[in-house]
Every structure is written in C-alpha cells, then in structure tokens.
N, C-alpha and C. Protein backbone atom coordinates (compact mmCIF):
# COMPACT_ATOMS: atom_id res chain seq x y z
N MET A 1 -23.98 -22.84 16.37
CA MET A 1 -23.25 -23.25 15.52
C MET A 1 -22.26 -22.25 15.36
N ALA A 2 -20.56 -23.27 15.42
CA ALA A 2 -19.75 -22.49 15.01
C ALA A 2 -19.69 -21.36 13.79
N LEU A 3 -20.55 -21.93 12.79
CA LEU A 3 -20.22 -20.47 11.34
C LEU A 3 -21.54 -19.63 11.62
N GLY A 4 -21.68 -20.00 12.74
CA GLY A 4 -23.27 -18.91 13.08
C GLY A 4 -24.69 -19.17 12.11
N PHE A 5 -24.95 -20.21 11.59
CA PHE A 5 -26.05 -20.76 11.21
C PHE A 5 -27.38 -21.31 12.62
N ASP A 6 -28.55 -21.13 12.14
CA ASP A 6 -29.35 -21.33 12.82
C ASP A 6 -29.54 -23.49 13.28
N PRO A 7 -29.11 -23.97 14.49
CA PRO A 7 -29.44 -24.93 14.40
C PRO A 7 -30.11 -26.05 14.17
N ALA A 8 -32.04 -25.28 14.46
CA ALA A 8 -32.86 -25.50 13.78
C ALA A 8 -32.72 -25.80 11.66
N LEU A 9 -31.77 -25.45 11.37
CA LEU A 9 -31.38 -24.80 9.93
C LEU A 9 -30.89 -26.73 9.23
N TYR A 10 -29.97 -27.20 10.40
CA TYR A 10 -29.85 -28.49 9.94
C TYR A 10 -30.28 -29.01 10.23
N TRP A 11 -31.73 -29.35 10.59
CA TRP A 11 -32.61 -30.41 10.23
C TRP A 11 -33.55 -30.06 8.91
N SER A 12 -33.40 -29.46 8.39
CA SER A 12 -34.81 -28.99 7.21
C SER A 12 -33.60 -28.54 5.94
N ILE A 13 -32.69 -29.17 6.18
CA ILE A 13 -32.05 -29.27 4.55
C ILE A 13 -30.71 -30.04 4.63
N THR A 14 -30.60 -30.60 2.91
CA THR A 14 -29.75 -31.42 2.81
C THR A 14 -28.91 -31.55 3.47
N PRO A 15 -27.52 -32.65 2.93
CA PRO A 15 -26.05 -32.22 2.98
C PRO A 15 -25.78 -31.73 2.48
N ARG A 16 -25.84 -31.79 1.38
CA ARG A 16 -25.55 -31.25 0.10
C ARG A 16 -25.51 -29.48 0.52
N GLU A 17 -26.63 -29.43 1.00
CA GLU A 17 -27.12 -28.00 1.23
C GLU A 17 -26.08 -27.72 2.35
N MET A 18 -25.97 -28.41 3.28
CA MET A 18 -25.48 -28.10 4.71
C MET A 18 -23.95 -27.96 3.97
N ASP A 19 -23.66 -28.39 3.95
CA ASP A 19 -21.98 -28.42 2.38
C ASP A 19 -21.92 -27.43 2.15
N ALA A 20 -22.76 -26.87 1.27
CA ALA A 20 -22.97 -25.60 0.71
C ALA A 20 -22.70 -24.01 1.10
N LEU A 21 -23.37 -24.07 2.39
CA LEU A 21 -23.62 -23.51 3.18
C LEU A 21 -21.96 -23.00 4.31
N ARG A 22 -21.78 -24.11 4.27
CA ARG A 22 -20.24 -24.49 5.14
C ARG A 22 -19.08 -23.76 4.34
N LYS A 23 -18.95 -24.12 3.08
CA LYS A 23 -18.07 -23.23 1.95
C LYS A 23 -18.80 -21.88 2.03
N GLY A 24 -19.58 -21.53 1.65
CA GLY A 24 -19.60 -20.60 1.70
C GLY A 24 -19.86 -19.73 3.09
N ALA A 25 -20.04 -19.91 3.96
CA ALA A 25 -19.23 -19.27 5.49
C ALA A 25 -17.66 -19.14 5.15
N VAL A 26 -16.52 -20.49 5.59
CA VAL A 26 -15.48 -19.93 5.12
C VAL A 26 -14.77 -19.70 4.56
N ARG A 27 -15.76 -18.96 3.29
CA ARG A 27 -14.87 -18.26 2.50
C ARG A 27 -15.19 -17.05 2.85
N ARG A 28 -16.21 -16.42 3.71
CA ARG A 28 -16.91 -15.51 4.08
C ARG A 28 -16.35 -15.17 4.90
N LEU A 29 -15.16 -15.56 5.83
CA LEU A 29 -14.24 -15.97 7.34
C LEU A 29 -13.39 -15.64 6.29
N ARG A 30 -12.77 -16.45 5.52
CA ARG A 30 -11.75 -15.88 5.13
C ARG A 30 -11.57 -14.65 4.66
N ARG A 31 -12.24 -14.31 3.90
CA ARG A 31 -12.12 -12.83 3.54
C ARG A 31 -12.21 -11.79 4.11
N GLU A 32 -13.07 -11.97 5.44
CA GLU A 32 -13.01 -11.21 6.34
C GLU A 32 -12.10 -10.97 7.43
N HIS A 33 -10.86 -12.49 7.22
CA HIS A 33 -9.78 -11.92 7.94
C HIS A 33 -8.73 -11.56 6.99
N ASP A 34 -8.68 -11.31 5.59
CA ASP A 34 -7.33 -10.88 4.90
C ASP A 34 -8.43 -9.44 5.11
N GLN A 35 -9.79 -9.22 4.72
CA GLN A 35 -9.62 -7.57 4.73
C GLN A 35 -9.11 -7.53 5.68
N MET A 36 -9.36 -8.28 7.18
CA MET A 36 -8.80 -7.14 8.80
C MET A 36 -6.79 -7.56 8.45
N MET A 37 -6.53 -8.19 8.07
CA MET A 37 -4.60 -7.97 8.05
C MET A 37 -4.67 -7.34 7.22
N ALA A 38 -5.20 -6.67 5.85
CA ALA A 38 -4.63 -5.98 4.73
C ALA A 38 -5.01 -4.67 4.95
N ALA A 39 -5.72 -4.68 6.73
CA ALA A 39 -6.12 -3.24 7.07
C ALA A 39 -4.81 -3.07 7.97
N ALA A 40 -4.66 -4.06 8.53
CA ALA A 40 -3.38 -4.13 9.56
C ALA A 40 -2.34 -3.61 8.69
N TRP A 41 -1.53 -4.22 7.49
CA TRP A 41 -0.96 -3.80 6.92
C TRP A 41 -0.75 -2.36 6.57
N TRP A 42 -2.06 -2.56 6.21
CA TRP A 42 -1.98 -0.83 5.79
C TRP A 42 -1.71 0.10 6.74
N SER A 43 -1.48 0.23 7.82
CA SER A 43 -2.05 0.51 9.11
C SER A 43 -0.50 0.46 9.47
N GLY A 44 0.57 -0.61 9.17
CA GLY A 44 1.95 -0.43 9.20
C GLY A 44 2.87 0.47 8.54
N VAL A 45 2.65 0.65 7.14
CA VAL A 45 2.92 0.98 6.39
C VAL A 45 2.79 2.20 6.42
N ILE A 46 1.65 3.02 6.86
CA ILE A 46 1.13 4.26 6.63
C ILE A 46 1.97 4.67 8.24
N ALA A 47 2.44 3.92 9.36
CA ALA A 47 3.27 4.25 10.08
C ALA A 47 4.58 4.37 10.16
N LYS A 48 4.86 3.70 8.92
CA LYS A 48 6.28 3.34 8.70
C LYS A 48 7.41 2.69 9.52
N SER A 49 6.36 1.03 9.77
CA SER A 49 7.50 0.50 10.74
C SER A 49 8.79 0.48 9.68
N GLN A 50 9.36 -0.29 10.63
CA GLN A 50 10.76 -1.38 9.56
C GLN A 50 10.99 -1.82 9.41
N LYS A 51 10.11 -2.50 10.09
CA LYS A 51 10.21 -3.34 9.14
C LYS A 51 8.60 -4.69 9.09
N THR A 52 7.96 -4.09 7.60
CA THR A 52 6.45 -4.79 7.00
C THR A 52 6.25 -5.49 6.69
N PRO A 53 5.67 -7.16 7.21
CA PRO A 53 5.81 -7.98 6.72
C PRO A 53 5.01 -7.73 5.34
N PRO A 54 5.58 -9.10 4.21
CA PRO A 54 4.81 -8.92 3.65
C PRO A 54 3.08 -9.09 2.80
N LEU A 55 2.58 -8.47 2.94
CA LEU A 55 1.07 -8.89 2.84
C LEU A 55 0.57 -10.09 2.59
N GLU A 56 1.08 -10.79 1.66
CA GLU A 56 1.35 -12.35 1.01
C GLU A 56 1.09 -13.16 2.78
N ARG A 57 2.04 -12.73 3.36
CA ARG A 57 2.45 -13.69 3.76
C ARG A 57 1.46 -13.74 5.54
N LEU A 58 0.49 -12.82 5.40
CA LEU A 58 -0.52 -12.27 6.34
C LEU A 58 -2.05 -13.26 6.22
N LEU A 59 -2.42 -12.94 4.64
CA LEU A 59 -2.94 -13.57 4.09
C LEU A 59 -3.25 -14.86 4.20
N SER A 60 -4.74 -15.46 4.46
CA SER A 60 -4.95 -16.86 4.38
C SER A 60 -5.37 -17.72 3.62
N ARG A 61 -4.40 -17.33 2.37
CA ARG A 61 -4.29 -18.59 1.06
C ARG A 61 -3.91 -19.26 1.41
N GLU A 62 -4.58 -20.06 0.74
CA GLU A 62 -4.27 -21.76 1.16
C GLU A 62 -2.88 -21.73 0.09
N ALA A 63 -1.62 -22.62 0.19
CA ALA A 63 -1.20 -22.65 -0.81
C ALA A 63 -1.43 -23.83 -1.66
N GLN A 64 -1.01 -23.71 -2.90
CA GLN A 64 -1.84 -23.81 -4.46
C GLN A 64 -0.54 -25.06 -4.83
N HIS A 65 -0.19 -26.42 -5.08
CA HIS A 65 0.50 -27.27 -5.25
C HIS A 65 -0.38 -27.62 -6.15
N ARG A 66 0.43 -27.66 -6.84
CA ARG A 66 0.03 -27.95 -9.00
C ARG A 66 1.00 -29.37 -9.01
N GLN A 67 0.50 -30.49 -8.62
CA GLN A 67 0.66 -32.05 -9.24
C GLN A 67 1.36 -31.97 -11.21
N THR A 68 2.69 -33.01 -10.32
CA THR A 68 3.31 -32.83 -11.93
C THR A 68 3.46 -34.41 -12.60
N PRO A 69 2.84 -34.35 -13.58
CA PRO A 69 2.77 -35.79 -14.00
C PRO A 69 3.11 -36.70 -14.04
N GLU A 70 4.02 -36.73 -12.86
CA GLU A 70 4.27 -37.91 -12.70
C GLU A 70 3.34 -38.53 -10.72
N GLU A 71 3.16 -37.50 -10.05
CA GLU A 71 2.40 -36.90 -8.80
C GLU A 71 0.85 -37.96 -9.70
N LYS A 72 0.53 -37.67 -10.98
CA LYS A 72 -0.56 -37.65 -11.43
C LYS A 72 -0.84 -38.86 -11.23
N LEU A 73 0.18 -40.40 -12.02
CA LEU A 73 0.24 -41.46 -12.65
C LEU A 73 0.36 -42.53 -11.09
N ALA A 74 0.70 -41.85 -10.23
CA ALA A 74 1.00 -42.42 -9.04
C ALA A 74 -1.00 -41.99 -7.94
N ILE A 75 -1.75 -41.06 -8.21
CA ILE A 75 -2.49 -41.20 -8.01
C ILE A 75 -3.85 -42.11 -8.62
N VAL A 76 -3.50 -42.32 -10.03
CA VAL A 76 -4.00 -43.04 -10.62
C VAL A 76 -3.87 -44.24 -10.61
N GLN A 77 -2.89 -45.00 -10.46
CA GLN A 77 -1.88 -46.08 -10.20
C GLN A 77 -2.69 -46.46 -8.47
N GLN A 78 -2.48 -46.00 -7.81
CA GLN A 78 -3.21 -46.04 -6.36
C GLN A 78 -4.50 -46.31 -6.15
N TRP A 79 -5.09 -45.46 -7.87
CA TRP A 79 -6.81 -46.02 -7.52
C TRP A 79 -6.93 -47.51 -8.33
N ALA A 80 -5.97 -47.30 -9.19
CA ALA A 80 -6.43 -48.90 -10.08
C ALA A 80 -6.12 -49.81 -8.93
N SER A 81 -4.77 -49.94 -8.43
CA SER A 81 -4.60 -50.75 -7.33
C SER A 81 -5.46 -51.09 -6.08
N VAL A 82 -6.52 -49.66 -5.74
CA VAL A 82 -8.03 -49.97 -4.76
C VAL A 82 -9.10 -50.53 -5.47
N ALA A 83 -9.67 -50.17 -6.66
CA ALA A 83 -10.20 -51.06 -7.66
C ALA A 83 -10.27 -52.43 -7.63
N ALA A 84 -8.60 -52.86 -7.68
CA ALA A 84 -8.53 -54.31 -8.68
C ALA A 84 -8.59 -55.25 -6.95
N LYS A 85 -8.30 -54.49 -5.93
CA LYS A 85 -8.99 -55.30 -4.48
C LYS A 85 -10.22 -55.44 -4.47
N ARG A 86 -11.23 -54.98 -4.80
CA ARG A 86 -12.30 -54.77 -4.65
C ARG A 86 -13.22 -55.98 -5.63
C-alpha cells in the first residue's frame, strides 16, 4: 500500500482506525517533506544563492481560508435546503 501499511492490516481494523492511520501517515509524509525542503532551503542560503525562494513557499502547508459570516450563513442555508427536500 502506498502509505506503507501491511495489506493484511486492512482486514483486521475498522474503517475509523484505517482513517486514523491514513491521516497519521499523511501528516508524517508532509512533515518529512517539510524537513527535506527546509534542508534544501538552508543549503541554498548557505551557498548564498542569488534568488532563494522564501521557505514558506516550499513547505506543504495547506492554505487555510477563514470563512466569512456570509459564507457560513450560505452553507447553513444550503444544508437547510437539502434537509427540507428529504
């Protein structure tokens, strides 16, 4: 399996446990990526390259969009609309 789990493990755990393992593996892979990119960035700084990109652009951090009150209201209205149709 791509995340490094034993395929036999799949049949011995619940879907919730598999999801927790998957999320943990994704966090581990992102952390490893960030460590490698930080090392590469520092290598560039040490070598005094002319145009070193900001480290933040190299890291895998997902941009977090904060919802405005209007966006939250629109989502709740969509939920209500779907619930009313059931």
